[in-house]
All heavy atoms as atom14 arrays in JSON, in Angstrom:
{
  "sequence": "KQAISAFLLQRLMGFGSINTAIRWLRELRRAMAS",
  "atom14_mask": [
    [1, 1, 1, 1, 1, 1, 1, 1, 1, 0, 0, 0, 0, 0],
    [1, 1, 1, 1, 1, 1, 1, 1, 1, 0, 0, 0, 0, 0],
    [1, 1, 1, 1, 1, 0, 0, 0, 0, 0, 0, 0, 0, 0],
    [1, 1, 1, 1, 1, 1, 1, 1, 0, 0, 0, 0, 0, 0],
    [1, 1, 1, 1, 1, 1, 0, 0, 0, 0, 0, 0, 0, 0],
    [1, 1, 1, 1, 1, 0, 0, 0, 0, 0, 0, 0, 0, 0],
    [1, 1, 1, 1, 1, 1, 1, 1, 1, 1, 1, 0, 0, 0],
    [1, 1, 1, 1, 1, 1, 1, 1, 0, 0, 0, 0, 0, 0],
    [1, 1, 1, 1, 1, 1, 1, 1, 0, 0, 0, 0, 0, 0],
    [1, 1, 1, 1, 1, 1, 1, 1, 1, 0, 0, 0, 0, 0],
    [1, 1, 1, 1, 1, 1, 1, 1, 1, 1, 1, 0, 0, 0],
    [1, 1, 1, 1, 1, 1, 1, 1, 0, 0, 0, 0, 0, 0],
    [1, 1, 1, 1, 1, 1, 1, 1, 0, 0, 0, 0, 0, 0],
    [1, 1, 1, 1, 0, 0, 0, 0, 0, 0, 0, 0, 0, 0],
    [1, 1, 1, 1, 1, 1, 1, 1, 1, 1, 1, 0, 0, 0],
    [1, 1, 1, 1, 0, 0, 0, 0, 0, 0, 0, 0, 0, 0],
    [1, 1, 1, 1, 1, 1, 0, 0, 0, 0, 0, 0, 0, 0],
    [1, 1, 1, 1, 1, 1, 1, 1, 0, 0, 0, 0, 0, 0],
    [1, 1, 1, 1, 1, 1, 1, 1, 0, 0, 0, 0, 0, 0],
    [1, 1, 1, 1, 1, 1, 1, 0, 0, 0, 0, 0, 0, 0],
    [1, 1, 1, 1, 1, 0, 0, 0, 0, 0, 0, 0, 0, 0],
    [1, 1, 1, 1, 1, 1, 1, 1, 0, 0, 0, 0, 0, 0],
    [1, 1, 1, 1, 1, 1, 1, 1, 1, 1, 1, 0, 0, 0],
    [1, 1, 1, 1, 1, 1, 1, 1, 1, 1, 1, 1, 1, 1],
    [1, 1, 1, 1, 1, 1, 1, 1, 0, 0, 0, 0, 0, 0],
    [1, 1, 1, 1, 1, 1, 1, 1, 1, 1, 1, 0, 0, 0],
    [1, 1, 1, 1, 1, 1, 1, 1, 1, 0, 0, 0, 0, 0],
    [1, 1, 1, 1, 1, 1, 1, 1, 0, 0, 0, 0, 0, 0],
    [1, 1, 1, 1, 1, 1, 1, 1, 1, 1, 1, 0, 0, 0],
    [1, 1, 1, 1, 1, 1, 1, 1, 1, 1, 1, 0, 0, 0],
    [1, 1, 1, 1, 1, 0, 0, 0, 0, 0, 0, 0, 0, 0],
    [1, 1, 1, 1, 1, 1, 1, 1, 0, 0, 0, 0, 0, 0],
    [1, 1, 1, 1, 1, 0, 0, 0, 0, 0, 0, 0, 0, 0],
    [1, 1, 1, 1, 1, 1, 0, 0, 0, 0, 0, 0, 0, 0]
  ],
  "atom14_positions": [
    [[0.81, -1.22, 0.0], [-0.01, -0.01, 0.0], [0.86, 1.26, 0.0], [0.51, 2.25, -0.65], [-0.94, 0.0, 1.22], [-1.9, 1.18, 1.25], [-2.84, 1.09, 2.43], [-3.8, 2.27, 2.46], [-4.74, 2.24, 3.59], [0.0, 0.0, 0.0], [0.0, 0.0, 0.0], [0.0, 0.0, 0.0], [0.0, 0.0, 0.0], [0.0, 0.0, 0.0]],
    [[1.95, 1.23, 0.71], [2.79, 2.44, 0.81], [3.9, 2.37, -0.2], [3.82, 2.93, -1.25], [3.35, 2.58, 2.22], [2.3, 2.74, 3.32], [1.53, 4.04, 3.19], [2.07, 5.03, 2.8], [0.26, 3.97, 3.52], [0.0, 0.0, 0.0], [0.0, 0.0, 0.0], [0.0, 0.0, 0.0], [0.0, 0.0, 0.0], [0.0, 0.0, 0.0]],
    [[4.95, 1.71, 0.12], [6.1, 1.54, -0.79], [6.96, 0.43, -0.21], [6.68, -0.07, 0.91], [6.92, 2.84, -0.91], [0.0, 0.0, 0.0], [0.0, 0.0, 0.0], [0.0, 0.0, 0.0], [0.0, 0.0, 0.0], [0.0, 0.0, 0.0], [0.0, 0.0, 0.0], [0.0, 0.0, 0.0], [0.0, 0.0, 0.0], [0.0, 0.0, 0.0]],
    [[7.98, 0.01, -0.93], [8.82, -1.07, -0.51], [10.27, -0.61, -0.62], [10.64, -0.05, -1.63], [8.57, -2.36, -1.33], [9.38, -3.53, -0.8], [8.79, -2.14, -2.79], [9.02, -4.85, -1.41], [0.0, 0.0, 0.0], [0.0, 0.0, 0.0], [0.0, 0.0, 0.0], [0.0, 0.0, 0.0], [0.0, 0.0, 0.0], [0.0, 0.0, 0.0]],
    [[11.03, -0.87, 0.39], [12.42, -0.43, 0.39], [13.3, -1.53, -0.21], [12.89, -2.67, -0.37], [12.89, -0.11, 1.81], [12.86, -1.27, 2.62], [0.0, 0.0, 0.0], [0.0, 0.0, 0.0], [0.0, 0.0, 0.0], [0.0, 0.0, 0.0], [0.0, 0.0, 0.0], [0.0, 0.0, 0.0], [0.0, 0.0, 0.0], [0.0, 0.0, 0.0]],
    [[14.52, -1.14, -0.51], [15.46, -2.14, -1.12], [15.81, -3.22, -0.12], [16.01, -4.39, -0.5], [16.69, -1.39, -1.62], [0.0, 0.0, 0.0], [0.0, 0.0, 0.0], [0.0, 0.0, 0.0], [0.0, 0.0, 0.0], [0.0, 0.0, 0.0], [0.0, 0.0, 0.0], [0.0, 0.0, 0.0], [0.0, 0.0, 0.0], [0.0, 0.0, 0.0]],
    [[15.94, -2.87, 1.17], [16.26, -3.87, 2.18], [15.13, -4.9, 2.3], [15.36, -6.09, 2.44], [16.52, -3.2, 3.52], [17.82, -2.41, 3.56], [17.78, -1.04, 3.45], [19.0, -3.09, 3.72], [18.96, -0.31, 3.47], [20.22, -2.35, 3.73], [20.16, -0.96, 3.61], [0.0, 0.0, 0.0], [0.0, 0.0, 0.0], [0.0, 0.0, 0.0]],
    [[13.89, -4.45, 2.26], [12.77, -5.35, 2.34], [12.67, -6.25, 1.13], [12.43, -7.45, 1.22], [11.46, -4.58, 2.54], [10.17, -5.42, 2.61], [10.26, -6.42, 3.76], [8.97, -4.53, 2.8], [0.0, 0.0, 0.0], [0.0, 0.0, 0.0], [0.0, 0.0, 0.0], [0.0, 0.0, 0.0], [0.0, 0.0, 0.0], [0.0, 0.0, 0.0]],
    [[12.88, -5.69, -0.06], [12.85, -6.49, -1.29], [13.98, -7.54, -1.28], [13.8, -8.67, -1.74], [12.95, -5.61, -2.51], [12.88, -6.3, -3.87], [11.51, -6.92, -4.01], [13.14, -5.34, -5.02], [0.0, 0.0, 0.0], [0.0, 0.0, 0.0], [0.0, 0.0, 0.0], [0.0, 0.0, 0.0], [0.0, 0.0, 0.0], [0.0, 0.0, 0.0]],
    [[15.15, -7.13, -0.76], [16.25, -8.11, -0.67], [15.89, -9.29, 0.21], [16.18, -10.44, -0.13], [17.48, -7.42, -0.15], [18.7, -8.33, -0.06], [19.85, -7.7, 0.73], [19.67, -6.68, 1.38], [21.04, -8.27, 0.62], [0.0, 0.0, 0.0], [0.0, 0.0, 0.0], [0.0, 0.0, 0.0], [0.0, 0.0, 0.0], [0.0, 0.0, 0.0]],
    [[15.22, -9.05, 1.34], [14.85, -10.16, 2.22], [13.77, -11.0, 1.58], [13.77, -12.22, 1.72], [14.36, -9.59, 3.57], [15.48, -8.95, 4.39], [15.03, -8.78, 5.82], [13.9, -7.85, 5.94], [14.04, -6.57, 6.13], [15.26, -6.01, 6.25], [12.96, -5.78, 6.24], [0.0, 0.0, 0.0], [0.0, 0.0, 0.0], [0.0, 0.0, 0.0]],
    [[12.8, -10.38, 0.91], [11.72, -11.14, 0.32], [12.19, -12.03, -0.85], [11.72, -13.16, -1.02], [10.62, -10.2, -0.15], [9.83, -9.44, 0.91], [8.89, -8.45, 0.26], [9.05, -10.42, 1.8], [0.0, 0.0, 0.0], [0.0, 0.0, 0.0], [0.0, 0.0, 0.0], [0.0, 0.0, 0.0], [0.0, 0.0, 0.0], [0.0, 0.0, 0.0]],
    [[13.08, -11.47, -1.65], [13.56, -12.21, -2.85], [14.77, -13.06, -2.57], [15.18, -13.9, -3.41], [13.87, -11.21, -3.96], [12.73, -10.28, -4.32], [11.21, -11.16, -4.76], [11.74, -12.04, -6.19], [0.0, 0.0, 0.0], [0.0, 0.0, 0.0], [0.0, 0.0, 0.0], [0.0, 0.0, 0.0], [0.0, 0.0, 0.0], [0.0, 0.0, 0.0]],
    [[15.44, -12.87, -1.46], [16.63, -13.66, -1.14], [17.84, -13.29, -1.94], [18.69, -14.13, -2.21], [0.0, 0.0, 0.0], [0.0, 0.0, 0.0], [0.0, 0.0, 0.0], [0.0, 0.0, 0.0], [0.0, 0.0, 0.0], [0.0, 0.0, 0.0], [0.0, 0.0, 0.0], [0.0, 0.0, 0.0], [0.0, 0.0, 0.0], [0.0, 0.0, 0.0]],
    [[17.99, -12.03, -2.32], [19.17, -11.57, -3.06], [20.41, -11.6, -2.16], [20.35, -11.26, -0.97], [18.97, -10.15, -3.59], [17.86, -10.06, -4.63], [17.09, -8.9, -4.71], [17.65, -11.1, -5.54], [16.1, -8.83, -5.69], [16.64, -11.0, -6.48], [15.87, -9.91, -6.58], [0.0, 0.0, 0.0], [0.0, 0.0, 0.0], [0.0, 0.0, 0.0]],
    [[21.5, -11.95, -2.78], [22.77, -11.92, -2.02], [23.34, -10.57, -1.82], [24.13, -10.33, -0.89], [0.0, 0.0, 0.0], [0.0, 0.0, 0.0], [0.0, 0.0, 0.0], [0.0, 0.0, 0.0], [0.0, 0.0, 0.0], [0.0, 0.0, 0.0], [0.0, 0.0, 0.0], [0.0, 0.0, 0.0], [0.0, 0.0, 0.0], [0.0, 0.0, 0.0]],
    [[22.94, -9.63, -2.67], [23.48, -8.25, -2.54], [22.35, -7.26, -2.6], [21.33, -7.44, -3.29], [24.43, -7.96, -3.75], [24.82, -6.59, -3.75], [0.0, 0.0, 0.0], [0.0, 0.0, 0.0], [0.0, 0.0, 0.0], [0.0, 0.0, 0.0], [0.0, 0.0, 0.0], [0.0, 0.0, 0.0], [0.0, 0.0, 0.0], [0.0, 0.0, 0.0]],
    [[22.51, -6.17, -1.82], [21.49, -5.1, -1.8], [21.49, -4.35, -3.11], [20.48, -3.76, -3.51], [21.78, -4.14, -0.63], [20.67, -3.14, -0.45], [23.11, -3.45, -0.8], [19.35, -3.73, -0.06], [0.0, 0.0, 0.0], [0.0, 0.0, 0.0], [0.0, 0.0, 0.0], [0.0, 0.0, 0.0], [0.0, 0.0, 0.0], [0.0, 0.0, 0.0]],
    [[22.62, -4.37, -3.88], [22.66, -3.66, -5.14], [21.68, -4.19, -6.16], [21.16, -3.45, -7.0], [24.07, -3.73, -5.71], [25.07, -2.96, -4.82], [24.73, -1.99, -4.13], [26.31, -3.43, -4.78], [0.0, 0.0, 0.0], [0.0, 0.0, 0.0], [0.0, 0.0, 0.0], [0.0, 0.0, 0.0], [0.0, 0.0, 0.0], [0.0, 0.0, 0.0]],
    [[21.41, -5.5, -6.14], [20.42, -6.1, -7.04], [19.04, -5.54, -6.75], [18.32, -5.18, -7.69], [20.42, -7.63, -6.93], [21.73, -8.1, -7.16], [19.49, -8.23, -7.94], [0.0, 0.0, 0.0], [0.0, 0.0, 0.0], [0.0, 0.0, 0.0], [0.0, 0.0, 0.0], [0.0, 0.0, 0.0], [0.0, 0.0, 0.0], [0.0, 0.0, 0.0]],
    [[18.66, -5.47, -5.5], [17.33, -4.91, -5.16], [17.25, -3.45, -5.52], [16.2, -2.99, -6.0], [17.07, -5.12, -3.65], [0.0, 0.0, 0.0], [0.0, 0.0, 0.0], [0.0, 0.0, 0.0], [0.0, 0.0, 0.0], [0.0, 0.0, 0.0], [0.0, 0.0, 0.0], [0.0, 0.0, 0.0], [0.0, 0.0, 0.0], [0.0, 0.0, 0.0]],
    [[18.31, -2.71, -5.33], [18.3, -1.28, -5.66], [18.12, -1.09, -7.18], [17.33, -0.26, -7.63], [19.61, -0.58, -5.2], [19.64, -0.59, -3.64], [19.72, 0.83, -5.72], [20.95, -0.05, -3.08], [0.0, 0.0, 0.0], [0.0, 0.0, 0.0], [0.0, 0.0, 0.0], [0.0, 0.0, 0.0], [0.0, 0.0, 0.0], [0.0, 0.0, 0.0]],
    [[18.84, -1.88, -7.99], [18.73, -1.76, -9.43], [17.34, -2.12, -9.91], [16.76, -1.46, -10.75], [19.78, -2.65, -10.1], [19.69, -2.71, -11.61], [20.09, -1.36, -12.21], [19.83, -1.29, -13.62], [20.67, -1.69, -14.57], [21.85, -2.2, -14.23], [20.38, -1.58, -15.86], [0.0, 0.0, 0.0], [0.0, 0.0, 0.0], [0.0, 0.0, 0.0]],
    [[16.77, -3.2, -9.35], [15.43, -3.62, -9.77], [14.38, -2.58, -9.45], [13.53, -2.27, -10.26], [15.1, -4.97, -9.09], [15.74, -6.13, -9.75], [16.93, -6.16, -10.37], [15.24, -7.48, -9.77], [17.2, -7.43, -10.79], [16.21, -8.26, -10.45], [14.11, -8.07, -9.28], [16.03, -9.65, -10.67], [13.94, -9.48, -9.47], [14.86, -10.21, -10.18]],
    [[14.47, -2.01, -8.26], [13.49, -0.98, -7.92], [13.64, 0.25, -8.77], [12.62, 0.86, -9.15], [13.69, -0.6, -6.43], [13.27, -1.63, -5.41], [13.55, -1.15, -4.0], [11.78, -1.95, -5.53], [0.0, 0.0, 0.0], [0.0, 0.0, 0.0], [0.0, 0.0, 0.0], [0.0, 0.0, 0.0], [0.0, 0.0, 0.0], [0.0, 0.0, 0.0]],
    [[14.86, 0.61, -9.14], [15.03, 1.78, -10.0], [14.42, 1.52, -11.41], [13.78, 2.41, -11.98], [16.51, 2.08, -10.16], [17.17, 2.71, -8.95], [18.67, 2.82, -9.11], [19.3, 3.39, -7.92], [20.61, 3.42, -7.76], [21.42, 2.94, -8.68], [21.12, 3.93, -6.65], [0.0, 0.0, 0.0], [0.0, 0.0, 0.0], [0.0, 0.0, 0.0]],
    [[14.6, 0.3, -11.94], [14.07, 0.02, -13.23], [12.57, -0.05, -13.26], [11.9, 0.44, -14.16], [14.64, -1.32, -13.74], [16.16, -1.3, -13.99], [16.54, -0.29, -15.05], [15.93, -0.33, -16.14], [17.43, 0.54, -14.81], [0.0, 0.0, 0.0], [0.0, 0.0, 0.0], [0.0, 0.0, 0.0], [0.0, 0.0, 0.0], [0.0, 0.0, 0.0]],
    [[11.96, -0.62, -12.2], [10.53, -0.7, -12.11], [9.92, 0.69, -11.87], [8.85, 1.0, -12.43], [10.13, -1.68, -11.0], [10.5, -3.16, -11.23], [10.07, -3.99, -10.03], [9.81, -3.66, -12.52], [0.0, 0.0, 0.0], [0.0, 0.0, 0.0], [0.0, 0.0, 0.0], [0.0, 0.0, 0.0], [0.0, 0.0, 0.0], [0.0, 0.0, 0.0]],
    [[10.57, 1.53, -11.11], [10.07, 2.88, -10.92], [10.18, 3.69, -12.24], [9.32, 4.51, -12.52], [10.86, 3.62, -9.86], [10.59, 3.1, -8.45], [11.25, 4.03, -7.41], [11.2, 3.43, -6.09], [12.27, 3.0, -5.43], [13.47, 3.08, -6.02], [12.15, 2.47, -4.22], [0.0, 0.0, 0.0], [0.0, 0.0, 0.0], [0.0, 0.0, 0.0]],
    [[11.17, 3.4, -13.05], [11.29, 4.04, -14.34], [10.12, 3.65, -15.26], [9.61, 4.49, -16.02], [12.63, 3.68, -14.98], [13.0, 4.51, -16.22], [14.49, 4.4, -16.45], [14.93, 3.04, -16.72], [14.94, 2.46, -17.91], [14.57, 3.16, -18.98], [15.37, 1.23, -18.04], [0.0, 0.0, 0.0], [0.0, 0.0, 0.0], [0.0, 0.0, 0.0]],
    [[9.67, 2.4, -15.19], [8.53, 1.96, -15.93], [7.26, 2.6, -15.41], [6.37, 2.99, -16.18], [8.44, 0.44, -15.88], [0.0, 0.0, 0.0], [0.0, 0.0, 0.0], [0.0, 0.0, 0.0], [0.0, 0.0, 0.0], [0.0, 0.0, 0.0], [0.0, 0.0, 0.0], [0.0, 0.0, 0.0], [0.0, 0.0, 0.0], [0.0, 0.0, 0.0]],
    [[7.15, 2.76, -14.1], [5.97, 3.44, -13.54], [5.89, 4.88, -13.98], [4.82, 5.43, -14.27], [6.03, 3.36, -12.01], [5.78, 1.97, -11.43], [5.91, 2.0, -9.61], [5.5, 0.3, -9.26], [0.0, 0.0, 0.0], [0.0, 0.0, 0.0], [0.0, 0.0, 0.0], [0.0, 0.0, 0.0], [0.0, 0.0, 0.0], [0.0, 0.0, 0.0]],
    [[7.03, 5.57, -14.04], [7.04, 6.95, -14.43], [6.54, 7.15, -15.87], [5.9, 8.13, -16.21], [8.44, 7.52, -14.32], [0.0, 0.0, 0.0], [0.0, 0.0, 0.0], [0.0, 0.0, 0.0], [0.0, 0.0, 0.0], [0.0, 0.0, 0.0], [0.0, 0.0, 0.0], [0.0, 0.0, 0.0], [0.0, 0.0, 0.0], [0.0, 0.0, 0.0]],
    [[6.83, 6.17, -16.77], [6.35, 6.27, -18.14], [4.83, 6.16, -18.2], [4.18, 6.75, -19.1], [6.99, 5.14, -18.99], [6.59, 3.87, -18.55], [0.0, 0.0, 0.0], [0.0, 0.0, 0.0], [0.0, 0.0, 0.0], [0.0, 0.0, 0.0], [0.0, 0.0, 0.0], [0.0, 0.0, 0.0], [0.0, 0.0, 0.0], [0.0, 0.0, 0.0]]
  ]
}
């Protein structure tokens, strides 16, 4: 309902690095902006 942070997405998806979650959120936000 609100938003999701990179740390929360990393825990939910099981990423080994926080940089992966940050990159994914940036790309999805770019799609939302369009």
